[in-house]
Structures are given as structure tokens and as C-alpha cells.
Amino acid sequence: MNSAAEKPYYLIVPDNLPKTHDEINQAFSQEMKTAFTILLRLKQQLSDHDAFLCVYEALQHIPLADEAVTSDNKSVIPLTKRYAELDDYIGLARVSGENAHIWFYSILETYQDMLDEALSTRVSISSEEWGRLRAAFDTLLVDFAQKHAPMQGNGLTSPAATSTISYLHTARPFDVMYRWKLGHRVFIALLQSLVFMLYDFETAHKQPEIDVPQAQRALSMATTLMWGSAASLRFTGDFEADDYNNVVYPSMTPPYVPPGFSGMQTLDHLYTVRVLSQLRPLFMTIDPALAEQHQQFISAFTHTYDSHKFVCARFQGDQRPSIRMSLEAKQTAVDVIEKLKQARLKNIQL
């Protein structure tokens, strides 16, 4: 698998994300649909190793050729110096071209690397949190596969029962910086997927009458992705406080990065917050048929911010200011996260 020192990871800007399943279906090649057939195997709740083989095999069908990618400087939300700094730090390259292909490839590549990390080093978050993280990717990929895999007769083409390839994971020492950067990639992949599901939720309201089943499914998927996002924060910080203080924290301070640098300043996080704000009228007038899914989404949303607070507190964020604030600031990093949570809950609560 890639290390943080190798080629950058391709990622589209969030404004270039597909907005509907029809848009995805029109953009995907036959090779992409073959990959979806393979991913149907994830319905079987595979072990980490078998899930890795499934994703690895799917990726072999959709290589990301250089001609599919061009440098992108034309996003509606400009990639300003502030956001470019974090992308450079993580090792991301924002590109455009065959956007649906690039997006799907980036999700699979990130999931593959996450599983490889678990199989080759260690993951010590709880089995419940790891299950939520796995479920976010598995549920998303199976949902896409069921909609976009090629049909055979009256149903979907059935995948082979097991992978036709093999892969030997080599144990390697735990690399705290690789985990830190991989965790950020995982979080961003889930945020972009969340944005798509929020678009799908919005699309369900654009019919003459609300498409209740579509809205329920989209909001349930968004909830699963939100739970996964919460777990990804714990996965990202799954190491000792000394490692953070001695290795990670210094890497986010001058001279290694500009003053005011922060892991919170991702383009994708800002975009997700904006989409949620734009959907506030839908959440404020939520259809009674969506009450259960709405409450579950709020719970997952709250847990995501609480998970961020938990990780931050492990690294003394309940005692000192955010890395982007001066050392004289009176608010701790945990205080800032709590204020953001309360402010952003107003976009989705009645």
C-alpha cells in the first residue's frame, strides 16, 4: 500500500461531487460497473482480510489513468492557501477530469489502505467503533453496487463467492504520522460521501410530493456515514499522548507548516457544513414519516462532535487552546468543539 511519502492521493473538490444516482450511472464505464459487481460481496459482512481482498480486486478493474486527471483550480469554493496547506500536509492532490471515476476510486483506495493498516499494524479502538467505521464504507459501497452493478435477467449480476486473487499482508511497525494522515483521508472520504447522501435527501424533496422511501434511505445512509465519521476520528488518534506531543503536534507547527495551521480547516469540512446549512429549511419542516431517521441522524451528528472532543481531550485539548489559537487564549480546544457542535446542531434540529 502507499506510504505518506509516495505519490499524492487524488481527490476531487467537493463542488465536483455527483449530485444524483442518475449522474453517477451516466458517468460510470462498464469497468466501473464490473467493480460494483465485485463489491456486492461486501453484503456478506466479510472479515477485514476478505473485505480488503474484495476492495483490492475491485480497484484492479478501475485503474486511475493519468489522462483521467487534470489539475483543478476552478472550484466554486476556491482552493485557497488555507485549504491547500492541509491538503499538502496530508498528501492530497485535488484534481478534476472524470470526476465520478476519481471520486469512487478515492473512496475505494482509502478503504483499502484503512483495512491494510488494520491488518499490517494494529487498531486498538473498540470493536464497536471499528464496526461502525467498517459499516460506513460497506453500506455505502453495497448501496452503490445495488444501484449501478450490471443487470442479468431479472436481477443483479452475482459476484463470485470469494475473491479470485490473493494478497499477503506484511507486518510493519506502527507509524504514527502515517496513521494521523490516513485517518484524515478516511474522514474526508466519509464527508464527501455524506455530502452525496445529503444531496440524495434533497432530491427526494424535489418531486411534486416528497419521495418518502428515498428520503428515509438517504437520511439513514447519512446517519451510517456520520457514525463512521465519528469512529474515524478515534481511528485517527489511536495512539499514545506522547506520540501526539512529540511527533504529531510539532509537525503542525512552524517551521513545518505556516502559523495558524489546523486539521479542522479542510475544504470538505467547510463544504459539508455549508450543505447542512442550506438544507436547514428541510430539517426545520421535516416530514413526520422521517421523524425516526431524523432523530437518529441528530444522535450520530452529536456523537461525531463528542468523539472529536474525546480524542482532543486525550491529547490535552481540554487543558490547552486549539493549535490554531494563541497559547494565551482562554478557551480550550474542547470548549471550541462544543461551541461548534451547539451552533451546527441548529441547522438540523427542529
Protein backbone atom coordinates (compact mmCIF):
# COMPACT_ATOMS: atom_id res chain seq x y z
CA MET A 1 0.00 0.00 0.00
CA ASN A 2 1.02 3.61 -0.36
CA SER A 3 3.01 5.35 2.32
CA ALA A 4 2.61 9.03 3.10
CA ALA A 5 5.91 9.73 1.33
CA GLU A 6 4.82 8.32 -2.04
CA LYS A 7 2.59 9.75 -4.77
CA PRO A 8 -0.19 12.10 -3.70
CA TYR A 9 -3.70 10.75 -3.30
CA TYR A 10 -6.09 12.07 -5.94
CA LEU A 11 -9.29 13.70 -4.69
CA ILE A 12 -11.89 15.88 -6.35
CA VAL A 13 -13.06 19.14 -4.83
CA PRO A 14 -16.46 18.71 -3.16
CA ASP A 15 -18.19 21.03 -5.60
CA ASN A 16 -17.45 18.46 -8.33
CA LEU A 17 -19.16 15.62 -6.49
CA PRO A 18 -22.02 13.92 -8.37
CA LYS A 19 -25.37 15.05 -7.05
CA THR A 20 -27.67 12.21 -8.13
CA HIS A 21 -27.52 8.49 -8.83
CA ASP A 22 -28.55 9.21 -12.44
CA GLU A 23 -25.45 11.36 -12.82
CA ILE A 24 -23.31 8.52 -11.44
CA ASN A 25 -24.91 5.94 -13.72
CA GLN A 26 -24.28 8.03 -16.81
CA ALA A 27 -20.66 8.63 -15.85
CA PHE A 28 -19.61 5.09 -14.95
CA SER A 29 -17.96 2.85 -17.51
CA GLN A 30 -18.55 -0.88 -17.90
CA GLU A 31 -15.36 -1.47 -15.93
CA MET A 32 -16.75 0.59 -13.07
CA LYS A 33 -19.95 -1.45 -13.09
CA THR A 34 -17.90 -4.65 -13.03
CA ALA A 35 -16.19 -3.31 -9.92
CA PHE A 36 -19.62 -2.79 -8.36
CA THR A 37 -20.49 -6.43 -9.02
CA ILE A 38 -17.41 -7.46 -7.03
CA LEU A 39 -18.36 -5.08 -4.21
CA LEU A 40 -21.73 -6.80 -3.80
CA ARG A 41 -19.70 -9.38 -1.86
CA LEU A 42 -19.48 -6.85 1.00
CA LYS A 43 -23.12 -7.69 1.84
CA GLN A 44 -21.75 -10.84 3.49
CA GLN A 45 -20.17 -8.93 6.42
CA LEU A 46 -16.70 -10.08 5.47
CA SER A 47 -13.68 -10.30 7.74
CA ASP A 48 -11.16 -7.46 7.47
CA HIS A 49 -8.95 -9.64 5.26
CA ASP A 50 -11.74 -10.72 2.91
CA ALA A 51 -13.09 -7.16 2.72
CA PHE A 52 -9.59 -5.98 1.78
CA LEU A 53 -9.37 -8.59 -1.00
CA CYS A 54 -12.80 -7.54 -2.27
CA VAL A 55 -11.87 -3.85 -2.46
CA TYR A 56 -8.40 -4.61 -3.82
CA GLU A 57 -9.92 -6.73 -6.59
CA ALA A 58 -12.47 -4.04 -7.46
CA LEU A 59 -9.68 -1.46 -7.77
CA GLN A 60 -7.88 -3.60 -10.34
CA HIS A 61 -10.80 -3.03 -12.72
CA ILE A 62 -10.75 0.76 -12.49
CA PRO A 63 -7.14 1.99 -12.63
CA LEU A 64 -6.92 5.76 -12.47
CA ALA A 65 -5.03 6.64 -15.64
CA ASP A 66 -3.16 9.94 -15.72
CA GLU A 67 -5.25 11.08 -18.69
CA ALA A 68 -8.38 10.85 -16.49
CA VAL A 69 -6.97 13.56 -14.25
CA THR A 70 -6.10 17.21 -14.75
CA SER A 71 -5.09 19.82 -12.20
CA ASP A 72 -8.10 21.63 -10.83
CA ASN A 73 -8.11 25.32 -9.93
CA LYS A 74 -11.70 26.15 -10.86
CA SER A 75 -13.80 25.08 -7.90
CA VAL A 76 -16.80 27.18 -6.90
CA ILE A 77 -15.17 27.19 -3.46
CA PRO A 78 -11.61 28.24 -4.40
CA LEU A 79 -8.79 26.11 -3.06
CA THR A 80 -7.24 28.99 -1.18
CA LYS A 81 -3.85 28.84 0.51
CA ARG A 82 -5.58 27.97 3.78
CA TYR A 83 -7.10 24.76 2.40
CA ALA A 84 -4.13 23.90 0.19
CA GLU A 85 -1.91 23.80 3.28
CA LEU A 86 -3.83 20.92 4.84
CA ASP A 87 -4.07 19.05 1.54
CA ASP A 88 -0.29 19.31 1.16
CA TYR A 89 0.20 18.16 4.75
CA ILE A 90 -1.96 15.05 4.26
CA GLY A 91 -0.59 14.34 0.78
CA LEU A 92 -3.72 15.09 -1.27
CA ALA A 93 -3.82 16.38 -4.84
CA ARG A 94 -7.13 17.98 -5.86
CA VAL A 95 -7.85 17.05 -9.44
CA SER A 96 -10.65 17.04 -11.98
CA GLY A 97 -11.43 15.10 -15.13
CA GLU A 98 -13.62 12.02 -14.94
CA ASN A 99 -14.96 13.20 -11.61
CA ALA A 100 -17.26 10.29 -10.72
CA HIS A 101 -14.46 7.83 -11.51
CA ILE A 102 -11.91 9.79 -9.46
CA TRP A 103 -14.31 10.07 -6.52
CA PHE A 104 -15.21 6.41 -6.48
CA TYR A 105 -11.56 5.41 -6.87
CA SER A 106 -10.57 7.65 -3.95
CA ILE A 107 -13.20 6.02 -1.70
CA LEU A 108 -12.00 2.51 -2.56
CA GLU A 109 -8.32 3.43 -2.26
CA THR A 110 -8.89 4.98 1.16
CA TYR A 111 -10.90 1.98 2.40
CA GLN A 112 -8.25 -0.40 1.07
CA ASP A 113 -5.49 1.50 2.90
CA MET A 114 -7.54 1.61 6.11
CA LEU A 115 -8.06 -2.16 6.05
CA ASP A 116 -4.40 -2.74 5.20
CA GLU A 117 -3.40 -0.58 8.17
CA ALA A 118 -5.53 -2.73 10.48
CA LEU A 119 -4.15 -5.97 9.04
CA SER A 120 -0.48 -4.90 8.88
CA THR A 121 -0.11 -2.87 12.08
CA ARG A 122 -2.80 -2.51 14.72
CA VAL A 123 -6.12 -0.88 15.55
CA SER A 124 -6.98 -0.54 19.23
CA ILE A 125 -10.26 1.38 19.08
CA SER A 126 -13.21 -0.60 20.41
CA SER A 127 -14.76 -3.32 18.27
CA GLU A 128 -17.97 -1.26 18.27
CA GLU A 129 -16.21 1.80 16.81
CA TRP A 130 -14.29 -0.31 14.28
CA GLY A 131 -17.58 -1.95 13.29
CA ARG A 132 -19.15 1.46 12.72
CA LEU A 133 -16.19 2.52 10.60
CA ARG A 134 -16.35 -0.65 8.52
CA ALA A 135 -20.14 -0.35 8.23
CA ALA A 136 -19.90 3.18 6.84
CA PHE A 137 -17.81 2.02 3.88
CA ASP A 138 -19.52 -1.35 3.41
CA THR A 139 -23.04 0.08 3.49
CA LEU A 140 -22.13 2.89 1.11
CA LEU A 141 -20.42 0.59 -1.39
CA VAL A 142 -23.18 -2.03 -1.30
CA ASP A 143 -25.81 0.70 -1.75
CA PHE A 144 -23.96 1.96 -4.83
CA ALA A 145 -23.42 -1.58 -6.12
CA GLN A 146 -27.10 -2.43 -5.85
CA LYS A 147 -27.94 0.64 -7.91
CA HIS A 148 -25.16 0.54 -10.50
CA ALA A 149 -23.94 -3.06 -10.95
CA PRO A 150 -24.93 -4.56 -14.33
CA MET A 151 -28.20 -6.47 -14.50
CA GLN A 152 -28.54 -10.11 -15.52
CA GLY A 153 -32.01 -11.38 -16.29
CA ASN A 154 -34.35 -10.00 -13.64
CA GLY A 155 -31.67 -9.20 -11.07
CA LEU A 156 -28.14 -8.03 -10.40
CA THR A 157 -25.19 -9.99 -11.72
CA SER A 158 -23.98 -12.20 -8.85
CA PRO A 159 -20.36 -11.80 -7.74
CA ALA A 160 -18.03 -14.73 -7.23
CA ALA A 161 -18.46 -16.17 -3.75
CA THR A 162 -14.84 -15.37 -2.84
CA SER A 163 -12.03 -13.28 -4.24
CA THR A 164 -10.11 -14.68 -7.18
CA ILE A 165 -6.86 -13.01 -6.06
CA SER A 166 -4.60 -13.27 -3.06
CA TYR A 167 -2.59 -10.68 -1.15
CA LEU A 168 -0.04 -11.19 1.60
CA HIS A 169 -0.04 -8.54 4.30
CA THR A 170 3.42 -7.92 5.74
CA ALA A 171 3.56 -6.85 9.37
CA ARG A 172 5.15 -3.43 9.72
CA PRO A 173 5.93 -1.11 12.64
CA PHE A 174 3.19 1.31 13.61
CA ASP A 175 3.85 4.73 12.02
CA VAL A 176 2.10 7.46 13.97
CA MET A 177 2.34 10.06 11.19
CA TYR A 178 1.00 7.64 8.58
CA ARG A 179 -1.98 6.82 10.85
CA TRP A 180 -2.61 10.52 11.50
CA LYS A 181 -2.67 11.35 7.79
CA LEU A 182 -4.55 8.20 6.78
CA GLY A 183 -7.18 8.97 9.40
CA HIS A 184 -7.70 12.41 7.88
CA ARG A 185 -8.13 10.81 4.45
CA VAL A 186 -10.71 8.40 5.88
CA PHE A 187 -12.62 11.28 7.48
CA ILE A 188 -12.61 13.26 4.22
CA ALA A 189 -13.79 10.26 2.18
CA LEU A 190 -16.72 9.84 4.55
CA LEU A 191 -17.51 13.57 4.48
CA GLN A 192 -17.67 13.57 0.68
CA SER A 193 -19.93 10.50 0.78
CA LEU A 194 -22.10 12.22 3.40
CA VAL A 195 -22.48 15.23 1.11
CA PHE A 196 -23.70 12.97 -1.70
CA MET A 197 -26.31 11.38 0.59
CA LEU A 198 -27.47 14.82 1.69
CA TYR A 199 -27.91 15.71 -1.98
CA ASP A 200 -29.92 12.50 -2.38
CA PHE A 201 -32.05 13.52 0.61
CA GLU A 202 -32.63 16.90 -1.01
CA THR A 203 -33.51 15.30 -4.36
CA ALA A 204 -36.27 13.29 -2.65
CA HIS A 205 -37.91 16.61 -1.75
CA LYS A 206 -37.81 17.96 -5.31
CA GLN A 207 -40.62 15.72 -6.55
CA PRO A 208 -44.18 17.14 -6.73
CA GLU A 209 -44.58 15.23 -3.47
CA ILE A 210 -41.79 14.06 -1.23
CA ASP A 211 -40.44 10.63 -2.12
CA VAL A 212 -40.59 9.27 1.43
CA PRO A 213 -38.75 5.95 0.84
CA GLN A 214 -35.89 7.74 -0.93
CA ALA A 215 -35.68 10.39 1.80
CA GLN A 216 -35.70 7.71 4.52
CA ARG A 217 -33.00 5.70 2.80
CA ALA A 218 -30.80 8.76 2.13
CA LEU A 219 -31.09 10.01 5.71
CA SER A 220 -30.38 6.53 7.09
CA MET A 221 -27.30 6.29 4.87
CA ALA A 222 -26.20 9.75 6.03
CA THR A 223 -26.56 8.55 9.62
CA THR A 224 -24.41 5.47 8.98
CA LEU A 225 -21.76 7.69 7.40
CA MET A 226 -21.93 10.08 10.34
CA TRP A 227 -21.37 7.22 12.81
CA GLY A 228 -18.46 6.15 10.65
CA SER A 229 -17.07 9.69 10.68
CA ALA A 230 -17.17 9.68 14.48
CA ALA A 231 -15.29 6.38 14.54
CA SER A 232 -12.75 7.69 12.02
CA LEU A 233 -11.78 10.44 14.47
CA ARG A 234 -10.96 7.81 17.09
CA PHE A 235 -9.10 5.76 14.46
CA THR A 236 -7.05 8.85 13.54
CA GLY A 237 -5.98 9.45 17.14
CA ASP A 238 -5.46 5.80 18.02
CA PHE A 239 -2.03 6.21 19.62
CA GLU A 240 -0.43 7.43 22.84
CA ALA A 241 -0.43 11.05 24.02
CA ASP A 242 3.38 11.06 23.97
CA ASP A 243 3.30 10.25 20.25
CA TYR A 244 1.00 13.19 19.68
CA ASN A 245 3.04 15.60 21.78
CA ASN A 246 6.43 14.52 20.47
CA VAL A 247 5.68 13.72 16.82
CA VAL A 248 2.27 14.86 15.57
CA TYR A 249 1.88 18.20 17.32
CA PRO A 250 5.30 19.54 16.25
CA SER A 251 4.53 18.58 12.62
CA MET A 252 1.59 21.02 12.69
CA THR A 253 3.60 23.99 13.95
CA PRO A 254 6.13 26.34 12.30
CA PRO A 255 8.54 25.92 10.63
CA TYR A 256 6.93 22.76 9.22
CA VAL A 257 3.62 24.48 8.46
CA PRO A 258 2.52 28.14 8.43
CA PRO A 259 1.20 29.78 11.62
CA GLY A 260 -2.49 29.13 12.28
CA PHE A 261 -2.46 25.70 10.65
CA SER A 262 -5.27 23.37 11.78
CA GLY A 263 -6.61 19.95 10.87
CA MET A 264 -10.10 21.48 11.04
CA GLN A 265 -9.50 23.70 8.01
CA THR A 266 -10.40 21.14 5.37
CA LEU A 267 -12.26 22.22 2.28
CA ASP A 268 -14.54 19.20 2.67
CA HIS A 269 -15.48 20.02 6.27
CA LEU A 270 -16.40 23.58 5.30
CA TYR A 271 -18.42 22.31 2.34
CA THR A 272 -20.31 19.78 4.48
CA VAL A 273 -21.22 22.49 6.99
CA ARG A 274 -22.47 24.71 4.15
CA VAL A 275 -24.62 21.93 2.67
CA LEU A 276 -26.17 21.24 6.07
CA SER A 277 -26.87 24.93 6.45
CA GLN A 278 -28.53 25.04 3.02
CA LEU A 279 -30.73 22.10 3.98
CA ARG A 280 -31.86 23.73 7.22
CA PRO A 281 -35.35 24.54 5.81
CA LEU A 282 -35.89 20.81 5.07
CA PHE A 283 -34.83 19.79 8.57
CA MET A 284 -36.97 22.50 10.15
CA THR A 285 -40.08 21.21 8.35
CA ILE A 286 -39.20 17.52 8.40
CA ASP A 287 -41.96 15.19 7.23
CA PRO A 288 -43.43 13.18 10.16
CA ALA A 289 -42.65 9.99 8.21
CA LEU A 290 -38.96 10.83 8.62
CA ALA A 291 -39.07 11.52 12.38
CA GLU A 292 -37.24 8.33 13.36
CA GLN A 293 -34.47 8.74 10.76
CA HIS A 294 -34.15 12.42 11.66
CA GLN A 295 -33.61 11.68 15.35
CA GLN A 296 -31.05 9.01 14.53
CA PHE A 297 -29.17 11.46 12.33
CA ILE A 298 -29.09 14.03 15.14
CA SER A 299 -27.72 11.40 17.55
CA ALA A 300 -24.95 10.42 15.12
CA PHE A 301 -24.15 14.07 14.42
CA THR A 302 -23.83 14.78 18.15
CA HIS A 303 -21.66 11.69 18.68
CA THR A 304 -19.28 12.83 15.94
CA TYR A 305 -18.53 16.08 17.73
CA ASP A 306 -18.30 14.26 21.06
CA SER A 307 -15.78 11.85 19.51
CA HIS A 308 -13.72 14.81 18.35
CA LYS A 309 -13.81 16.16 21.91
CA PHE A 310 -12.80 12.75 23.27
CA VAL A 311 -9.75 12.50 21.01
CA CYS A 312 -8.83 16.11 21.63
CA ALA A 313 -9.02 15.63 25.42
CA ARG A 314 -6.72 12.58 25.18
CA PHE A 315 -4.08 14.94 23.80
CA GLN A 316 -4.66 17.64 26.47
CA GLY A 317 -7.12 19.59 24.34
CA ASP A 318 -9.25 20.02 27.46
CA GLN A 319 -6.36 21.93 29.02
CA ARG A 320 -4.89 24.00 26.22
CA PRO A 321 -6.13 26.08 23.26
CA SER A 322 -6.65 24.78 19.75
CA ILE A 323 -3.47 24.59 17.69
CA ARG A 324 -4.77 27.44 15.52
CA MET A 325 -5.20 29.75 18.55
CA SER A 326 -2.58 31.62 20.55
CA LEU A 327 -1.30 29.97 23.73
CA GLU A 328 -2.85 32.86 25.69
CA ALA A 329 -6.37 32.03 24.51
CA LYS A 330 -8.76 31.26 27.39
CA GLN A 331 -10.91 28.73 25.54
CA THR A 332 -9.62 25.19 25.37
CA ALA A 333 -9.78 23.21 22.14
CA VAL A 334 -12.56 21.06 23.64
CA ASP A 335 -14.54 24.22 24.51
CA VAL A 336 -14.30 25.36 20.89
CA ILE A 337 -15.55 21.99 19.56
CA GLU A 338 -18.52 22.08 21.94
CA LYS A 339 -19.47 25.59 20.77
CA LEU A 340 -19.25 24.49 17.15
CA LYS A 341 -21.44 21.47 17.90
CA GLN A 342 -24.16 23.59 19.51
CA ALA A 343 -24.09 26.12 16.66
CA ARG A 344 -24.28 23.49 13.93
CA LEU A 345 -26.99 21.44 15.64
CA LYS A 346 -29.26 24.40 14.96
CA ASN A 347 -29.15 23.52 11.26
CA ILE A 348 -30.65 20.07 11.74
CA GLN A 349 -32.80 20.24 14.88
CA LEU A 350 -36.44 21.32 14.93
